[in-house]
Amino acid sequence: QVQLVESGGGSVEAGGSMRLSCQASGDIYSIHVMGWYRQAPQKQRELVAVISTAENINYGGFVQGCFTISRADAKYTVNLQMNNLQPDDTAVYYCTIIQQRKNCWGPGTQVTVSS
């Protein structure tokens, strides 16, 4: 069983920055992918960014250089630095770990960007 603990989130004005962190614990395999998805009201959950243990990174199509994902393997932690946030970035951000073809999700953290 895997536990994901998310931190960060909250409210920020447009143009501001925010950092999300997620720490995984429990049954973690040596090869896995960790990262973030988000879901805005009445929209489907979408990829923000994921990073593998080999440091391969995939960003969602909307990311235009303002979001950066990184990981600290010693602590099974993944960080998401978000800069120049806009109201369209308002959503619940979910941490995920993908291993053995299974997704495990964190409870989500709200990010609200005001104009």
C-alpha atoms as a PDB file:
ATOM      1  CA  GLN A   1       0.000   0.000   0.000  1.00  0.00           C
ATOM      2  CA  VAL A   2       1.181   3.508  -0.840  1.00  0.00           C
ATOM      3  CA  GLN A   3       0.490   6.755   0.957  1.00  0.00           C
ATOM      4  CA  LEU A   4       0.870  10.129  -0.717  1.00  0.00           C
ATOM      5  CA  VAL A   5       1.112  13.292   1.347  1.00  0.00           C
ATOM      6  CA  GLU A   6       0.709  16.551  -0.553  1.00  0.00           C
ATOM      7  CA  SER A   7       1.747  19.981   0.657  1.00  0.00           C
ATOM      8  CA  GLY A   8       1.587  23.454  -0.773  1.00  0.00           C
ATOM      9  CA  GLY A   9      -1.406  24.855  -2.522  1.00  0.00           C
ATOM     10  CA  GLY A  10      -3.584  27.759  -1.464  1.00  0.00           C
ATOM     11  CA  SER A  11      -4.397  31.085  -3.033  1.00  0.00           C
ATOM     12  CA  VAL A  12      -2.249  33.400  -5.110  1.00  0.00           C
ATOM     13  CA  GLU A  13      -2.773  36.356  -7.397  1.00  0.00           C
ATOM     14  CA  ALA A  14      -2.279  36.094 -11.154  1.00  0.00           C
ATOM     15  CA  GLY A  15       1.383  36.187 -12.051  1.00  0.00           C
ATOM     16  CA  GLY A  16       2.390  34.685  -8.734  1.00  0.00           C
ATOM     17  CA  SER A  17       4.222  31.465  -7.957  1.00  0.00           C
ATOM     18  CA  MET A  18       3.511  28.390  -5.906  1.00  0.00           C
ATOM     19  CA  ARG A  19       5.316  25.173  -5.054  1.00  0.00           C
ATOM     20  CA  LEU A  20       3.631  21.847  -4.508  1.00  0.00           C
ATOM     21  CA  SER A  21       5.336  18.874  -2.908  1.00  0.00           C
ATOM     22  CA  CYS A  22       4.323  15.253  -2.563  1.00  0.00           C
ATOM     23  CA  GLN A  23       6.000  12.569  -0.495  1.00  0.00           C
ATOM     24  CA  ALA A  24       5.299   8.898  -1.052  1.00  0.00           C
ATOM     25  CA  SER A  25       5.693   6.167   1.514  1.00  0.00           C
ATOM     26  CA  GLY A  26       4.855   2.509   1.830  1.00  0.00           C
ATOM     27  CA  ASP A  27       5.363  -0.091  -0.893  1.00  0.00           C
ATOM     28  CA  ILE A  28       7.447   1.894  -3.383  1.00  0.00           C
ATOM     29  CA  TYR A  29       9.035   0.007  -6.266  1.00  0.00           C
ATOM     30  CA  SER A  30      12.463   1.002  -7.539  1.00  0.00           C
ATOM     31  CA  ILE A  31      10.984   1.874 -10.939  1.00  0.00           C
ATOM     32  CA  HIS A  32       8.017   4.188 -10.905  1.00  0.00           C
ATOM     33  CA  VAL A  33       6.654   7.485 -12.118  1.00  0.00           C
ATOM     34  CA  MET A  34       5.500  10.295  -9.858  1.00  0.00           C
ATOM     35  CA  GLY A  35       3.872  13.554 -10.692  1.00  0.00           C
ATOM     36  CA  TRP A  36       0.835  15.778 -10.774  1.00  0.00           C
ATOM     37  CA  TYR A  37      -2.530  15.950 -12.472  1.00  0.00           C
ATOM     38  CA  ARG A  38      -5.155  18.620 -12.000  1.00  0.00           C
ATOM     39  CA  GLN A  39      -8.916  18.903 -12.268  1.00  0.00           C
ATOM     40  CA  ALA A  40     -10.805  22.147 -12.634  1.00  0.00           C
ATOM     41  CA  PRO A  41     -14.534  22.349 -11.911  1.00  0.00           C
ATOM     42  CA  GLN A  42     -16.581  20.575 -14.585  1.00  0.00           C
ATOM     43  CA  LYS A  43     -13.467  19.560 -16.478  1.00  0.00           C
ATOM     44  CA  GLN A  44     -11.645  16.289 -16.872  1.00  0.00           C
ATOM     45  CA  ARG A  45      -8.522  15.520 -14.912  1.00  0.00           C
ATOM     46  CA  GLU A  46      -5.482  16.431 -16.982  1.00  0.00           C
ATOM     47  CA  LEU A  47      -1.766  15.826 -16.863  1.00  0.00           C
ATOM     48  CA  VAL A  48       0.384  18.582 -15.404  1.00  0.00           C
ATOM     49  CA  ALA A  49       3.763  16.853 -15.196  1.00  0.00           C
ATOM     50  CA  VAL A  50       5.239  13.473 -14.363  1.00  0.00           C
ATOM     51  CA  ILE A  51       8.807  12.322 -13.841  1.00  0.00           C
ATOM     52  CA  SER A  52      10.188   8.808 -13.828  1.00  0.00           C
ATOM     53  CA  THR A  53      12.936   7.332 -11.710  1.00  0.00           C
ATOM     54  CA  ALA A  54      15.117   7.688 -14.820  1.00  0.00           C
ATOM     55  CA  GLU A  55      14.353  11.425 -14.808  1.00  0.00           C
ATOM     56  CA  ASN A  56      12.229  11.247 -17.949  1.00  0.00           C
ATOM     57  CA  ILE A  57       9.699  14.081 -17.821  1.00  0.00           C
ATOM     58  CA  ASN A  58       6.368  14.638 -19.521  1.00  0.00           C
ATOM     59  CA  TYR A  59       4.491  17.923 -19.242  1.00  0.00           C
ATOM     60  CA  GLY A  60       0.886  18.582 -20.092  1.00  0.00           C
ATOM     61  CA  GLY A  61       0.206  20.343 -23.363  1.00  0.00           C
ATOM     62  CA  PHE A  62      -0.813  23.563 -21.623  1.00  0.00           C
ATOM     63  CA  VAL A  63       2.498  23.901 -19.787  1.00  0.00           C
ATOM     64  CA  GLN A  64       4.575  26.529 -21.549  1.00  0.00           C
ATOM     65  CA  GLY A  65       7.772  26.635 -19.557  1.00  0.00           C
ATOM     66  CA  CYS A  66       6.208  28.056 -16.413  1.00  0.00           C
ATOM     67  CA  PHE A  67       5.975  24.767 -14.505  1.00  0.00           C
ATOM     68  CA  THR A  68       8.974  22.677 -13.482  1.00  0.00           C
ATOM     69  CA  ILE A  69       8.870  19.221 -11.931  1.00  0.00           C
ATOM     70  CA  SER A  70      11.717  17.710  -9.962  1.00  0.00           C
ATOM     71  CA  ARG A  71      12.241  14.805  -7.594  1.00  0.00           C
ATOM     72  CA  ALA A  72      14.282  13.883  -4.556  1.00  0.00           C
ATOM     73  CA  ASP A  73      14.613  10.135  -4.607  1.00  0.00           C
ATOM     74  CA  ALA A  74      16.048   9.813  -1.136  1.00  0.00           C
ATOM     75  CA  LYS A  75      12.703  10.904   0.229  1.00  0.00           C
ATOM     76  CA  TYR A  76      10.425   9.687  -2.590  1.00  0.00           C
ATOM     77  CA  THR A  77       9.423  13.294  -3.040  1.00  0.00           C
ATOM     78  CA  VAL A  78       8.317  15.127  -6.136  1.00  0.00           C
ATOM     79  CA  ASN A  79       8.075  18.902  -6.360  1.00  0.00           C
ATOM     80  CA  LEU A  80       6.179  21.112  -8.789  1.00  0.00           C
ATOM     81  CA  GLN A  81       7.281  24.714  -9.115  1.00  0.00           C
ATOM     82  CA  MET A  82       4.593  26.812 -10.774  1.00  0.00           C
ATOM     83  CA  ASN A  83       5.410  30.320 -11.959  1.00  0.00           C
ATOM     84  CA  ASN A  84       3.310  32.994 -13.622  1.00  0.00           C
ATOM     85  CA  LEU A  85       0.106  31.351 -12.475  1.00  0.00           C
ATOM     86  CA  GLN A  86      -3.110  32.435 -14.167  1.00  0.00           C
ATOM     87  CA  PRO A  87      -6.781  32.064 -13.204  1.00  0.00           C
ATOM     88  CA  ASP A  88      -7.067  29.153 -15.658  1.00  0.00           C
ATOM     89  CA  ASP A  89      -4.645  27.252 -13.433  1.00  0.00           C
ATOM     90  CA  THR A  90      -7.239  27.164 -10.662  1.00  0.00           C
ATOM     91  CA  ALA A  91      -7.921  23.512  -9.919  1.00  0.00           C
ATOM     92  CA  VAL A  92      -7.439  20.700  -7.475  1.00  0.00           C
ATOM     93  CA  TYR A  93      -3.960  19.306  -8.000  1.00  0.00           C
ATOM     94  CA  TYR A  94      -3.507  15.595  -7.386  1.00  0.00           C
ATOM     95  CA  CYS A  95      -0.242  13.822  -6.738  1.00  0.00           C
ATOM     96  CA  THR A  96       0.094  10.408  -8.299  1.00  0.00           C
ATOM     97  CA  ILE A  97       2.500   7.506  -8.321  1.00  0.00           C
ATOM     98  CA  ILE A  98       2.366   4.997 -11.144  1.00  0.00           C
ATOM     99  CA  GLN A  99       3.961   1.619 -10.625  1.00  0.00           C
ATOM    100  CA  GLN A 100       3.225  -1.896 -11.719  1.00  0.00           C
ATOM    101  CA  ARG A 101       0.691  -0.358 -14.148  1.00  0.00           C
ATOM    102  CA  LYS A 102      -1.365   1.038 -11.284  1.00  0.00           C
ATOM    103  CA  ASN A 103      -2.095   4.617 -10.279  1.00  0.00           C
ATOM    104  CA  CYS A 104      -2.304   5.688  -6.699  1.00  0.00           C
ATOM    105  CA  TRP A 105      -3.672   9.173  -6.001  1.00  0.00           C
ATOM    106  CA  GLY A 106      -3.262  11.657  -3.209  1.00  0.00           C
ATOM    107  CA  PRO A 107      -6.293  13.437  -1.731  1.00  0.00           C
ATOM    108  CA  GLY A 108      -5.604  16.579  -3.783  1.00  0.00           C
ATOM    109  CA  THR A 109      -4.707  20.132  -2.866  1.00  0.00           C
ATOM    110  CA  GLN A 110      -6.602  23.214  -4.000  1.00  0.00           C
ATOM    111  CA  VAL A 111      -4.805  25.887  -6.003  1.00  0.00           C
ATOM    112  CA  THR A 112      -6.741  29.097  -6.529  1.00  0.00           C
ATOM    113  CA  VAL A 113      -5.451  31.916  -8.718  1.00  0.00           C
ATOM    114  CA  SER A 114      -7.273  35.230  -8.564  1.00  0.00           C
ATOM    115  CA  SER A 115      -7.187  37.876 -11.275  1.00  0.00           C
END
